[in-house]
C-alpha atoms as a PDB file:
ATOM      1  CA  UNK A   1       0.543  53.685 -25.013  1.00  0.00           C
ATOM      2  CA  UNK A   2      -2.217  55.637 -23.273  1.00  0.00           C
ATOM      3  CA  UNK A   3      -1.009  55.312 -19.705  1.00  0.00           C
ATOM      4  CA  UNK A   4      -3.269  55.664 -16.672  1.00  0.00           C
ATOM      5  CA  UNK A   5      -0.184  55.663 -14.440  1.00  0.00           C
ATOM      6  CA  UNK A   6       3.308  56.838 -15.409  1.00  0.00           C
ATOM      7  CA  UNK A   7       6.175  55.942 -13.075  1.00  0.00           C
ATOM      8  CA  UNK A   8       9.640  57.416 -13.511  1.00  0.00           C
ATOM      9  CA  UNK A   9      12.821  56.621 -11.586  1.00  0.00           C
ATOM     10  CA  UNK A  10      10.970  55.096  -8.629  1.00  0.00           C
ATOM     11  CA  UNK A  11      13.478  54.243  -5.896  1.00  0.00           C
ATOM     12  CA  UNK A  12      12.658  52.992  -2.410  1.00  0.00           C
ATOM     13  CA  UNK A  13      14.593  51.791   0.618  1.00  0.00           C
ATOM     14  CA  UNK A  14      13.890  49.747   3.717  1.00  0.00           C
ATOM     15  CA  UNK A  15      16.608  51.053   5.980  1.00  0.00           C
ATOM     16  CA  UNK A  16      19.800  50.901   3.939  1.00  0.00           C
ATOM     17  CA  UNK A  17      18.456  48.211   1.591  1.00  0.00           C
ATOM     18  CA  UNK A  18      17.337  49.424  -1.828  1.00  0.00           C
ATOM     19  CA  UNK A  19      14.144  47.512  -2.631  1.00  0.00           C
ATOM     20  CA  UNK A  20      12.988  49.384  -5.764  1.00  0.00           C
ATOM     21  CA  UNK A  21      15.801  50.429  -8.079  1.00  0.00           C
ATOM     22  CA  UNK A  22      14.863  53.343 -10.305  1.00  0.00           C
ATOM     23  CA  UNK A  23      11.776  51.783 -11.899  1.00  0.00           C
ATOM     24  CA  UNK A  24      10.317  53.480 -14.979  1.00  0.00           C
ATOM     25  CA  UNK A  25       7.180  52.154 -16.668  1.00  0.00           C
ATOM     26  CA  UNK A  26       3.580  52.889 -17.593  1.00  0.00           C
ATOM     27  CA  UNK A  27       0.285  51.211 -16.649  1.00  0.00           C
ATOM     28  CA  UNK A  28      -1.982  51.090 -19.747  1.00  0.00           C
ATOM     29  CA  UNK A  29      -5.433  52.621 -19.372  1.00  0.00           C
ATOM     30  CA  UNK A  30      -8.450  50.274 -19.310  1.00  0.00           C
ATOM     31  CA  UNK A  31      -6.267  47.166 -19.274  1.00  0.00           C
ATOM     32  CA  UNK A  32      -5.421  44.596 -16.606  1.00  0.00           C
ATOM     33  CA  UNK A  33      -1.753  44.930 -15.713  1.00  0.00           C
ATOM     34  CA  UNK A  34      -0.265  42.132 -13.646  1.00  0.00           C
ATOM     35  CA  UNK A  35       2.869  42.704 -11.565  1.00  0.00           C
ATOM     36  CA  UNK A  36       4.700  39.413 -11.084  1.00  0.00           C
ATOM     37  CA  UNK A  37       7.906  38.046  -9.664  1.00  0.00           C
ATOM     38  CA  UNK A  38       9.240  35.830  -6.923  1.00  0.00           C
ATOM     39  CA  UNK A  39       8.775  36.409  -3.212  1.00  0.00           C
ATOM     40  CA  UNK A  40      10.678  39.436  -1.957  1.00  0.00           C
ATOM     41  CA  UNK A  41      11.154  41.001  -5.391  1.00  0.00           C
ATOM     42  CA  UNK A  42       9.317  44.212  -4.446  1.00  0.00           C
ATOM     43  CA  UNK A  43       5.794  43.611  -5.834  1.00  0.00           C
ATOM     44  CA  UNK A  44       3.804  44.643  -2.769  1.00  0.00           C
ATOM     45  CA  UNK A  45       6.194  47.510  -2.013  1.00  0.00           C
ATOM     46  CA  UNK A  46       5.595  48.810  -5.531  1.00  0.00           C
ATOM     47  CA  UNK A  47       1.829  48.532  -5.061  1.00  0.00           C
ATOM     48  CA  UNK A  48       1.999  50.494  -1.800  1.00  0.00           C
ATOM     49  CA  UNK A  49       3.763  53.306  -3.635  1.00  0.00           C
ATOM     50  CA  UNK A  50       1.238  53.283  -6.487  1.00  0.00           C
ATOM     51  CA  UNK A  51      -1.672  53.753  -4.076  1.00  0.00           C
ATOM     52  CA  UNK A  52       0.083  56.407  -2.006  1.00  0.00           C
ATOM     53  CA  UNK A  53       0.687  54.410   1.182  1.00  0.00           C
ATOM     54  CA  UNK A  54       4.449  54.903   0.890  1.00  0.00           C
ATOM     55  CA  UNK A  55       6.499  57.770  -0.497  1.00  0.00           C
ATOM     56  CA  UNK A  56       9.602  56.907  -2.513  1.00  0.00           C
ATOM     57  CA  UNK A  57      13.109  58.085  -1.837  1.00  0.00           C
ATOM     58  CA  UNK A  58      13.247  59.273  -5.456  1.00  0.00           C
ATOM     59  CA  UNK A  59      11.015  59.274  -8.501  1.00  0.00           C
ATOM     60  CA  UNK A  60       7.557  60.335  -9.608  1.00  0.00           C
ATOM     61  CA  UNK A  61       4.154  58.638  -9.931  1.00  0.00           C
ATOM     62  CA  UNK A  62       1.776  60.496 -12.217  1.00  0.00           C
ATOM     63  CA  UNK A  63      -1.740  59.043 -12.149  1.00  0.00           C
ATOM     64  CA  UNK A  64      -4.120  60.075 -14.922  1.00  0.00           C
ATOM     65  CA  UNK A  65      -7.305  58.170 -14.149  1.00  0.00           C
ATOM     66  CA  UNK A  66      -9.396  59.933 -16.790  1.00  0.00           C
ATOM     67  CA  UNK A  67     -11.525  61.907 -14.343  1.00  0.00           C
ATOM     68  CA  UNK A  68     -12.165  65.645 -14.511  1.00  0.00           C
ATOM     69  CA  UNK A  69     -10.562  66.359 -11.141  1.00  0.00           C
ATOM     70  CA  UNK A  70      -7.825  68.990 -11.055  1.00  0.00           C
ATOM     71  CA  UNK A  71      -5.735  66.377  -9.233  1.00  0.00           C
ATOM     72  CA  UNK A  72      -5.727  64.172 -12.333  1.00  0.00           C
ATOM     73  CA  UNK A  73      -2.306  63.769 -13.918  1.00  0.00           C
ATOM     74  CA  UNK A  74      -0.441  65.158 -10.943  1.00  0.00           C
ATOM     75  CA  UNK A  75       2.448  63.490  -9.136  1.00  0.00           C
ATOM     76  CA  UNK A  76       0.965  61.753  -6.105  1.00  0.00           C
ATOM     77  CA  UNK A  77       4.352  61.647  -4.389  1.00  0.00           C
ATOM     78  CA  UNK A  78       4.180  65.453  -4.072  1.00  0.00           C
ATOM     79  CA  UNK A  79       0.597  65.707  -2.797  1.00  0.00           C
ATOM     80  CA  UNK A  80      -0.113  66.745   0.769  1.00  0.00           C
ATOM     81  CA  UNK A  81      -2.300  64.504   2.941  1.00  0.00           C
ATOM     82  CA  UNK A  82      -5.550  66.313   2.142  1.00  0.00           C
ATOM     83  CA  UNK A  83      -4.992  66.175  -1.625  1.00  0.00           C
ATOM     84  CA  UNK A  84      -3.965  62.521  -1.452  1.00  0.00           C
ATOM     85  CA  UNK A  85      -7.125  61.587   0.460  1.00  0.00           C
ATOM     86  CA  UNK A  86      -9.240  63.289  -2.199  1.00  0.00           C
ATOM     87  CA  UNK A  87      -7.381  61.511  -4.959  1.00  0.00           C
ATOM     88  CA  UNK A  88      -7.681  58.097  -3.296  1.00  0.00           C
ATOM     89  CA  UNK A  89     -11.449  58.326  -3.628  1.00  0.00           C
ATOM     90  CA  UNK A  90     -10.884  57.437  -7.285  1.00  0.00           C
ATOM     91  CA  UNK A  91      -9.066  54.247  -6.300  1.00  0.00           C
ATOM     92  CA  UNK A  92     -10.230  50.910  -4.910  1.00  0.00           C
ATOM     93  CA  UNK A  93      -7.864  48.453  -3.212  1.00  0.00           C
ATOM     94  CA  UNK A  94      -8.179  44.787  -2.281  1.00  0.00           C
ATOM     95  CA  UNK A  95      -5.452  44.049   0.255  1.00  0.00           C
ATOM     96  CA  UNK A  96      -3.844  40.632   0.497  1.00  0.00           C
ATOM     97  CA  UNK A  97      -5.815  39.539   3.561  1.00  0.00           C
ATOM     98  CA  UNK A  98      -9.000  41.393   2.495  1.00  0.00           C
ATOM     99  CA  UNK A  99      -8.466  43.699   5.539  1.00  0.00           C
ATOM    100  CA  UNK A 100     -12.096  43.560   6.642  1.00  0.00           C
ATOM    101  CA  UNK A 101     -12.963  44.979  10.047  1.00  0.00           C
ATOM    102  CA  UNK A 102     -13.944  41.973  12.156  1.00  0.00           C
ATOM    103  CA  UNK A 103     -16.218  44.010  14.427  1.00  0.00           C
ATOM    104  CA  UNK A 104     -18.407  45.081  11.484  1.00  0.00           C
ATOM    105  CA  UNK A 105     -20.837  43.097   9.366  1.00  0.00           C
ATOM    106  CA  UNK A 106     -20.135  42.759   5.653  1.00  0.00           C
ATOM    107  CA  UNK A 107     -22.740  45.419   4.913  1.00  0.00           C
ATOM    108  CA  UNK A 108     -21.069  47.839   7.334  1.00  0.00           C
ATOM    109  CA  UNK A 109     -17.627  47.055   5.907  1.00  0.00           C
ATOM    110  CA  UNK A 110     -18.808  47.923   2.411  1.00  0.00           C
ATOM    111  CA  UNK A 111     -20.721  50.978   3.647  1.00  0.00           C
ATOM    112  CA  UNK A 112     -17.725  52.394   5.549  1.00  0.00           C
ATOM    113  CA  UNK A 113     -16.139  54.413   2.692  1.00  0.00           C
ATOM    114  CA  UNK A 114     -19.555  55.730   1.684  1.00  0.00           C
ATOM    115  CA  UNK A 115     -20.237  56.930   5.218  1.00  0.00           C
ATOM    116  CA  UNK A 116     -16.782  58.460   5.578  1.00  0.00           C
ATOM    117  CA  UNK A 117     -16.485  60.178   2.204  1.00  0.00           C
ATOM    118  CA  UNK A 118     -19.984  61.017   0.971  1.00  0.00           C
ATOM    119  CA  UNK A 119     -23.084  62.851   2.150  1.00  0.00           C
ATOM    120  CA  UNK A 120     -25.434  60.082   1.035  1.00  0.00           C
ATOM    121  CA  UNK A 121     -28.424  59.251   3.226  1.00  0.00           C
ATOM    122  CA  UNK A 122     -28.522  55.832   4.878  1.00  0.00           C
ATOM    123  CA  UNK A 123     -31.310  54.403   2.643  1.00  0.00           C
ATOM    124  CA  UNK A 124     -29.208  55.198  -0.451  1.00  0.00           C
ATOM    125  CA  UNK A 125     -26.113  53.693   1.155  1.00  0.00           C
ATOM    126  CA  UNK A 126     -28.086  50.528   1.938  1.00  0.00           C
ATOM    127  CA  UNK A 127     -29.103  50.207  -1.717  1.00  0.00           C
ATOM    128  CA  UNK A 128     -25.518  50.699  -2.931  1.00  0.00           C
ATOM    129  CA  UNK A 129     -24.215  48.139  -0.438  1.00  0.00           C
ATOM    130  CA  UNK A 130     -26.723  45.527  -1.618  1.00  0.00           C
ATOM    131  CA  UNK A 131     -25.743  46.218  -5.227  1.00  0.00           C
ATOM    132  CA  UNK A 132     -22.029  45.814  -4.485  1.00  0.00           C
ATOM    133  CA  UNK A 133     -22.554  42.565  -2.564  1.00  0.00           C
ATOM    134  CA  UNK A 134     -24.733  41.251  -5.399  1.00  0.00           C
ATOM    135  CA  UNK A 135     -21.976  42.193  -7.828  1.00  0.00           C
ATOM    136  CA  UNK A 136     -19.466  39.876  -6.141  1.00  0.00           C
ATOM    137  CA  UNK A 137     -21.861  36.986  -5.521  1.00  0.00           C
ATOM    138  CA  UNK A 138     -22.583  37.688  -1.848  1.00  0.00           C
ATOM    139  CA  UNK A 139     -26.321  38.360  -2.054  1.00  0.00           C
ATOM    140  CA  UNK A 140     -27.910  37.867   1.355  1.00  0.00           C
ATOM    141  CA  UNK A 141     -24.630  37.874   3.295  1.00  0.00           C
ATOM    142  CA  UNK A 142     -24.753  41.509   4.428  1.00  0.00           C
ATOM    143  CA  UNK A 143     -25.485  40.617   8.059  1.00  0.00           C
ATOM    144  CA  UNK A 144     -22.625  38.106   8.295  1.00  0.00           C
ATOM    145  CA  UNK A 145     -19.349  38.944  10.026  1.00  0.00           C
ATOM    146  CA  UNK A 146     -15.900  38.225   8.530  1.00  0.00           C
ATOM    147  CA  UNK A 147     -15.252  35.390  11.012  1.00  0.00           C
ATOM    148  CA  UNK A 148     -18.290  33.569   9.600  1.00  0.00           C
ATOM    149  CA  UNK A 149     -16.960  33.554   6.033  1.00  0.00           C
ATOM    150  CA  UNK A 150     -14.567  31.416   4.022  1.00  0.00           C
ATOM    151  CA  UNK A 151     -11.351  32.879   2.631  1.00  0.00           C
ATOM    152  CA  UNK A 152     -12.833  33.276  -0.838  1.00  0.00           C
ATOM    153  CA  UNK A 153     -15.912  35.039   0.499  1.00  0.00           C
ATOM    154  CA  UNK A 154     -13.728  37.455   2.463  1.00  0.00           C
ATOM    155  CA  UNK A 155     -11.842  38.319  -0.719  1.00  0.00           C
ATOM    156  CA  UNK A 156     -15.125  38.926  -2.553  1.00  0.00           C
ATOM    157  CA  UNK A 157     -16.347  41.123   0.292  1.00  0.00           C
ATOM    158  CA  UNK A 158     -13.080  43.046   0.084  1.00  0.00           C
ATOM    159  CA  UNK A 159     -13.702  43.613  -3.626  1.00  0.00           C
ATOM    160  CA  UNK A 160     -17.235  44.836  -2.870  1.00  0.00           C
ATOM    161  CA  UNK A 161     -15.783  47.401  -0.459  1.00  0.00           C
ATOM    162  CA  UNK A 162     -13.113  48.403  -2.992  1.00  0.00           C
ATOM    163  CA  UNK A 163     -15.906  49.020  -5.523  1.00  0.00           C
ATOM    164  CA  UNK A 164     -18.084  51.009  -3.124  1.00  0.00           C
ATOM    165  CA  UNK A 165     -17.010  54.433  -4.423  1.00  0.00           C
ATOM    166  CA  UNK A 166     -17.128  53.378  -8.108  1.00  0.00           C
ATOM    167  CA  UNK A 167     -13.359  53.758  -8.623  1.00  0.00           C
ATOM    168  CA  UNK A 168     -11.648  54.229 -11.967  1.00  0.00           C
ATOM    169  CA  UNK A 169      -8.492  52.451 -10.777  1.00  0.00           C
ATOM    170  CA  UNK A 170      -8.667  49.110  -8.990  1.00  0.00           C
ATOM    171  CA  UNK A 171      -5.689  47.471  -7.256  1.00  0.00           C
ATOM    172  CA  UNK A 172      -5.394  43.879  -6.038  1.00  0.00           C
ATOM    173  CA  UNK A 173      -2.606  42.524  -3.824  1.00  0.00           C
ATOM    174  CA  UNK A 174      -2.311  38.730  -4.214  1.00  0.00           C
ATOM    175  CA  UNK A 175      -6.072  38.142  -4.631  1.00  0.00           C
ATOM    176  CA  UNK A 176      -5.655  34.354  -4.946  1.00  0.00           C
ATOM    177  CA  UNK A 177      -3.271  33.923  -2.000  1.00  0.00           C
ATOM    178  CA  UNK A 178      -4.388  31.177   0.372  1.00  0.00           C
ATOM    179  CA  UNK A 179      -7.282  30.008  -1.807  1.00  0.00           C
ATOM    180  CA  UNK A 180      -7.891  26.573  -3.282  1.00  0.00           C
ATOM    181  CA  UNK A 181      -7.608  26.312  -7.103  1.00  0.00           C
ATOM    182  CA  UNK A 182     -11.363  26.280  -7.735  1.00  0.00           C
ATOM    183  CA  UNK A 183     -12.034  29.312  -5.531  1.00  0.00           C
ATOM    184  CA  UNK A 184      -9.031  31.124  -7.046  1.00  0.00           C
ATOM    185  CA  UNK A 185     -10.358  30.455 -10.555  1.00  0.00           C
ATOM    186  CA  UNK A 186     -13.734  31.874  -9.546  1.00  0.00           C
ATOM    187  CA  UNK A 187     -12.032  35.011  -8.264  1.00  0.00           C
ATOM    188  CA  UNK A 188     -10.146  35.371 -11.549  1.00  0.00           C
ATOM    189  CA  UNK A 189     -13.440  35.183 -13.425  1.00  0.00           C
ATOM    190  CA  UNK A 190     -14.863  37.881 -11.162  1.00  0.00           C
ATOM    191  CA  UNK A 191     -11.887  40.148 -11.910  1.00  0.00           C
ATOM    192  CA  UNK A 192     -12.390  39.616 -15.647  1.00  0.00           C
ATOM    193  CA  UNK A 193     -16.099  40.377 -15.308  1.00  0.00           C
ATOM    194  CA  UNK A 194     -15.460  43.606 -13.385  1.00  0.00           C
ATOM    195  CA  UNK A 195     -12.940  44.703 -15.974  1.00  0.00           C
ATOM    196  CA  UNK A 196     -15.279  44.107 -18.898  1.00  0.00           C
ATOM    197  CA  UNK A 197     -18.403  45.491 -17.236  1.00  0.00           C
ATOM    198  CA  UNK A 198     -17.032  48.682 -15.701  1.00  0.00           C
ATOM    199  CA  UNK A 199     -14.158  49.479 -18.087  1.00  0.00           C
ATOM    200  CA  UNK A 200     -11.631  49.836 -15.276  1.00  0.00           C
ATOM    201  CA  UNK A 201      -7.873  50.100 -15.181  1.00  0.00           C
ATOM    202  CA  UNK A 202      -6.743  47.165 -13.032  1.00  0.00           C
ATOM    203  CA  UNK A 203      -3.379  46.502 -11.391  1.00  0.00           C
ATOM    204  CA  UNK A 204      -2.987  43.011  -9.930  1.00  0.00           C
ATOM    205  CA  UNK A 205       0.003  41.823  -7.906  1.00  0.00           C
ATOM    206  CA  UNK A 206       0.306  38.038  -8.022  1.00  0.00           C
ATOM    207  CA  UNK A 207       2.700  35.136  -8.363  1.00  0.00           C
ATOM    208  CA  UNK A 208       0.019  32.619  -9.411  1.00  0.00           C
ATOM    209  CA  UNK A 209       0.767  31.417 -12.948  1.00  0.00           C
ATOM    210  CA  UNK A 210      -2.817  30.360 -13.624  1.00  0.00           C
ATOM    211  CA  UNK A 211      -4.078  33.831 -12.715  1.00  0.00           C
ATOM    212  CA  UNK A 212      -1.429  35.560 -14.813  1.00  0.00           C
ATOM    213  CA  UNK A 213      -2.416  33.720 -17.977  1.00  0.00           C
ATOM    214  CA  UNK A 214      -6.128  34.114 -17.259  1.00  0.00           C
ATOM    215  CA  UNK A 215      -6.481  37.803 -16.414  1.00  0.00           C
ATOM    216  CA  UNK A 216      -3.412  39.652 -17.716  1.00  0.00           C
ATOM    217  CA  UNK A 217      -3.354  41.989 -20.711  1.00  0.00           C
ATOM    218  CA  UNK A 218      -0.027  43.518 -19.759  1.00  0.00           C
ATOM    219  CA  UNK A 219       2.751  42.200 -17.519  1.00  0.00           C
ATOM    220  CA  UNK A 220       5.517  43.787 -15.456  1.00  0.00           C
ATOM    221  CA  UNK A 221       8.006  41.341 -13.956  1.00  0.00           C
ATOM    222  CA  UNK A 222      10.290  42.299 -11.092  1.00  0.00           C
ATOM    223  CA  UNK A 223      13.450  40.649  -9.856  1.00  0.00           C
ATOM    224  CA  UNK A 224      15.343  41.984  -6.837  1.00  0.00           C
ATOM    225  CA  UNK A 225      13.792  45.428  -7.254  1.00  0.00           C
ATOM    226  CA  UNK A 226      14.469  45.700 -10.993  1.00  0.00           C
ATOM    227  CA  UNK A 227      12.143  45.359 -13.967  1.00  0.00           C
ATOM    228  CA  UNK A 228      13.292  42.387 -16.062  1.00  0.00           C
ATOM    229  CA  UNK A 229      10.287  42.250 -18.378  1.00  0.00           C
ATOM    230  CA  UNK A 230       7.490  44.552 -19.469  1.00  0.00           C
ATOM    231  CA  UNK A 231       5.017  43.849 -22.243  1.00  0.00           C
ATOM    232  CA  UNK A 232       1.905  41.941 -23.284  1.00  0.00           C
ATOM    233  CA  UNK A 233       1.047  38.451 -22.123  1.00  0.00           C
ATOM    234  CA  UNK A 234       1.983  37.081 -25.555  1.00  0.00           C
ATOM    235  CA  UNK A 235       5.370  38.792 -25.389  1.00  0.00           C
ATOM    236  CA  UNK A 236       5.872  37.299 -21.944  1.00  0.00           C
ATOM    237  CA  UNK A 237       5.300  33.784 -23.268  1.00  0.00           C
ATOM    238  CA  UNK A 238       7.865  34.402 -26.027  1.00  0.00           C
ATOM    239  CA  UNK A 239      10.519  36.044 -23.834  1.00  0.00           C
ATOM    240  CA  UNK A 240      13.988  34.448 -24.010  1.00  0.00           C
ATOM    241  CA  UNK A 241      15.040  35.960 -20.666  1.00  0.00           C
ATOM    242  CA  UNK A 242      16.233  33.040 -18.490  1.00  0.00           C
ATOM    243  CA  UNK A 243      14.748  34.567 -15.350  1.00  0.00           C
ATOM    244  CA  UNK A 244      11.366  34.874 -17.070  1.00  0.00           C
ATOM    245  CA  UNK A 245      11.600  31.299 -18.342  1.00  0.00           C
ATOM    246  CA  UNK A 246      12.532  30.023 -14.891  1.00  0.00           C
ATOM    247  CA  UNK A 247       9.511  31.759 -13.374  1.00  0.00           C
ATOM    248  CA  UNK A 248       7.064  30.549 -16.026  1.00  0.00           C
ATOM    249  CA  UNK A 249       8.382  26.988 -15.910  1.00  0.00           C
ATOM    250  CA  UNK A 250       8.539  26.994 -12.107  1.00  0.00           C
ATOM    251  CA  UNK A 251      12.195  25.988 -12.160  1.00  0.00           C
ATOM    252  CA  UNK A 252      15.182  27.166 -10.161  1.00  0.00           C
ATOM    253  CA  UNK A 253      17.633  29.181 -12.232  1.00  0.00           C
ATOM    254  CA  UNK A 254      20.548  27.171 -10.844  1.00  0.00           C
ATOM    255  CA  UNK A 255      20.933  23.596  -9.763  1.00  0.00           C
ATOM    256  CA  UNK A 256      19.421  23.133  -6.294  1.00  0.00           C
ATOM    257  CA  UNK A 257      21.828  22.679  -3.416  1.00  0.00           C
ATOM    258  CA  UNK A 258      22.141  18.996  -2.561  1.00  0.00           C
ATOM    259  CA  UNK A 259      22.811  17.556   0.924  1.00  0.00           C
ATOM    260  CA  UNK A 260      25.807  15.590  -0.384  1.00  0.00           C
ATOM    261  CA  UNK A 261      27.469  18.872  -1.374  1.00  0.00           C
ATOM    262  CA  UNK A 262      27.470  19.890   2.288  1.00  0.00           C
ATOM    263  CA  UNK A 263      29.292  16.755   3.328  1.00  0.00           C
ATOM    264  CA  UNK A 264      31.893  17.283   0.594  1.00  0.00           C
ATOM    265  CA  UNK A 265      32.546  20.768   1.953  1.00  0.00           C
ATOM    266  CA  UNK A 266      32.971  19.768   5.574  1.00  0.00           C
ATOM    267  CA  UNK A 267      35.095  16.735   4.666  1.00  0.00           C
ATOM    268  CA  UNK A 268      37.345  18.853   2.444  1.00  0.00           C
ATOM    269  CA  UNK A 269      36.847  16.554  -0.557  1.00  0.00           C
END
């Protein structure tokens, strides 16, 4: 497998609790990899390590985005702040809540990374911003503020900002969270379109079954900080692992606790 990201022995703690337990895996280049699992399994924590927001207790994260930078292929966990900032310019991130700045218009939100990290003149930035908003279906909304938008429009605006620097790696944290099924399906189609059009390596954290089967080429499933499945979407469907089956069938692995059991316990029967 031609991996864009190679992770080895990734271990992370919150206090004394081990939340990622020696994870080793690869993210295939130019494919959409979906990281799935139940709530609290470590999906978002893993994503934060992959984009350099957190440093692990142990392990390495080698990112080989395909660029010509001398930072390419190096372990991001060992980079200093200046090197990490330079490397992050090759990445785009859509955070779970879109993370737009409420005091800025959509156009200014999208323009922000261009103003911070390039020497482009304002007329060129304005053209790029219009192109990115057009790309996500927000033509004519540049002067709107986040509070004036629906949840789906905020997510699309967040994608436009993530695409502002023409990244080679694009990360999404729960892109469909809080959206109605129709809006979520539209966002899935946008992700597919971006992948096909720009030939990107995508990493998507989600627990939405419909999204998994729609957008995924490759799947990594976590459970309590461990990898319990890794492979293609077809291999996922055929997996005999009971935890995988429970997730895909939306069933509890064990019989649910019943109220009558409580009364048996307290009555001693």
